[in-house]
Amino acid sequence: MARLLLEEGLTRGSVNRSYYAMFYAVLALLASPKKETSMHSVAISLFDKDFVKTGVFPKELSRWLHDAFNMRQRADYAPNCIPSVEEAGEILDRAVFFVEEVRKSQTFENKSG
């Protein structure tokens, strides 16, 4: 959906959908150890603490998640903030990579456990 929105020039919507793809991937990670939350800041903090600081994922993914969250907040709630096509495209590319990395980690975990 994020890609379709971006192709239509709807950068706010694209950023929103890209971020939520990342957020839901984090929620999937947190479901295994039963640390579910619906609060964005809590989910991001738990991702950093349980998955980045422990070396499961590189710090870069944390930065991308924080950047996407901040851009989504601005795009959704600041009327004058309209992400550029380049910004929305970068967040989309990062979200695709982020979700794939989470998927790979879960596939490995499920096969080994």
Protein backbone atom coordinates (compact mmCIF):
# COMPACT_ATOMS: atom_id res chain seq x y z
CA MET A 1 0.00 0.00 0.00
CA ALA A 2 2.82 2.41 0.86
CA ARG A 3 4.32 1.93 -2.58
CA LEU A 4 0.99 2.60 -4.31
CA LEU A 5 0.47 5.74 -2.27
CA LEU A 6 3.97 6.93 -3.10
CA GLU A 7 3.41 6.28 -6.81
CA GLU A 8 0.32 8.49 -6.59
CA GLY A 9 2.32 11.24 -4.88
CA LEU A 10 0.52 10.75 -1.57
CA THR A 11 3.63 10.97 0.56
CA ARG A 12 1.88 11.42 3.91
CA GLY A 13 -0.05 8.21 3.42
CA SER A 14 3.02 6.40 2.19
CA VAL A 15 5.05 7.42 5.25
CA ASN A 16 2.16 6.37 7.50
CA ARG A 17 1.87 2.91 5.92
CA SER A 18 5.65 2.41 5.84
CA TYR A 19 5.96 3.23 9.52
CA TYR A 20 3.05 0.98 10.45
CA ALA A 21 4.63 -1.93 8.57
CA MET A 22 7.68 -1.48 10.80
CA PHE A 23 5.58 -1.03 13.93
CA TYR A 24 3.56 -4.19 13.31
CA ALA A 25 6.78 -6.11 12.65
CA VAL A 26 8.01 -4.95 16.08
CA LEU A 27 4.72 -6.02 17.66
CA ALA A 28 5.17 -9.47 16.10
CA LEU A 29 8.63 -9.70 17.68
CA LEU A 30 7.24 -8.66 21.05
CA ALA A 31 4.41 -11.20 20.89
CA SER A 32 6.81 -14.15 21.29
CA PRO A 33 8.11 -13.14 24.71
CA LYS A 34 4.59 -11.90 25.61
CA LYS A 35 5.57 -8.25 25.81
CA GLU A 36 2.65 -6.98 23.78
CA THR A 37 1.79 -3.30 23.89
CA SER A 38 -0.22 -0.94 21.75
CA MET A 39 1.82 2.09 22.78
CA HIS A 40 4.25 3.11 20.07
CA SER A 41 6.89 4.53 22.41
CA VAL A 42 6.84 1.41 24.59
CA ALA A 43 7.10 -0.93 21.60
CA ILE A 44 10.03 1.05 20.18
CA SER A 45 11.78 1.10 23.58
CA LEU A 46 11.32 -2.66 23.98
CA PHE A 47 12.63 -3.24 20.45
CA ASP A 48 15.72 -1.21 21.29
CA LYS A 49 16.26 -2.90 24.66
CA ASP A 50 15.45 -6.51 23.73
CA PHE A 51 16.57 -6.70 20.12
CA VAL A 52 19.06 -3.93 19.32
CA LYS A 53 21.06 -3.69 22.53
CA THR A 54 21.32 -7.50 22.61
CA GLY A 55 22.69 -7.57 19.06
CA VAL A 56 19.78 -9.33 17.37
CA PHE A 57 19.40 -6.36 15.02
CA PRO A 58 21.88 -3.60 14.13
CA LYS A 59 21.54 -0.09 15.58
CA GLU A 60 20.76 1.15 12.09
CA LEU A 61 17.33 -0.54 12.23
CA SER A 62 16.58 1.25 15.49
CA ARG A 63 17.51 4.58 13.92
CA TRP A 64 15.31 3.83 10.91
CA LEU A 65 12.37 2.94 13.16
CA HIS A 66 12.79 6.13 15.20
CA ASP A 67 13.12 8.23 12.02
CA ALA A 68 10.00 6.65 10.50
CA PHE A 69 8.05 7.20 13.73
CA ASN A 70 9.08 10.86 13.90
CA MET A 71 8.29 11.50 10.23
CA ARG A 72 4.94 9.74 10.58
CA GLN A 73 4.09 11.88 13.61
CA ARG A 74 4.94 15.07 11.73
CA ALA A 75 3.19 14.00 8.53
CA ASP A 76 0.03 12.90 10.35
CA TYR A 77 -0.29 15.76 12.82
CA ALA A 78 1.57 18.81 11.48
CA PRO A 79 -0.54 20.35 8.72
CA ASN A 80 2.45 22.04 7.08
CA CYS A 81 4.61 18.91 6.99
CA ILE A 82 4.40 17.15 3.67
CA PRO A 83 7.24 14.67 3.16
CA SER A 84 9.02 14.89 -0.15
CA VAL A 85 8.85 11.99 -2.58
CA GLU A 86 12.51 11.32 -1.77
CA GLU A 87 11.87 11.24 1.99
CA ALA A 88 8.84 8.99 1.65
CA GLY A 89 10.74 6.74 -0.76
CA GLU A 90 13.63 6.39 1.65
CA ILE A 91 11.31 5.49 4.51
CA LEU A 92 9.54 2.97 2.28
CA ASP A 93 12.82 1.33 1.24
CA ARG A 94 13.91 1.15 4.86
CA ALA A 95 10.55 -0.30 5.93
CA VAL A 96 10.79 -3.05 3.30
CA PHE A 97 14.28 -3.95 4.52
CA PHE A 98 13.24 -3.72 8.19
CA VAL A 99 10.24 -6.03 7.76
CA GLU A 100 12.32 -8.51 5.78
CA GLU A 101 14.97 -8.61 8.52
CA VAL A 102 12.30 -9.24 11.15
CA ARG A 103 10.77 -11.95 8.98
CA LYS A 104 14.16 -13.63 8.53
CA SER A 105 14.84 -13.54 12.27
CA GLN A 106 11.46 -15.09 13.03
CA THR A 107 11.89 -17.79 10.38
CA PHE A 108 15.29 -18.74 11.82
CA GLU A 109 13.90 -18.75 15.36
CA ASN A 110 10.93 -20.91 14.40
CA LYS A 111 13.13 -23.46 12.61
CA SER A 112 15.66 -23.64 15.44
CA GLY A 113 13.20 -23.73 18.31
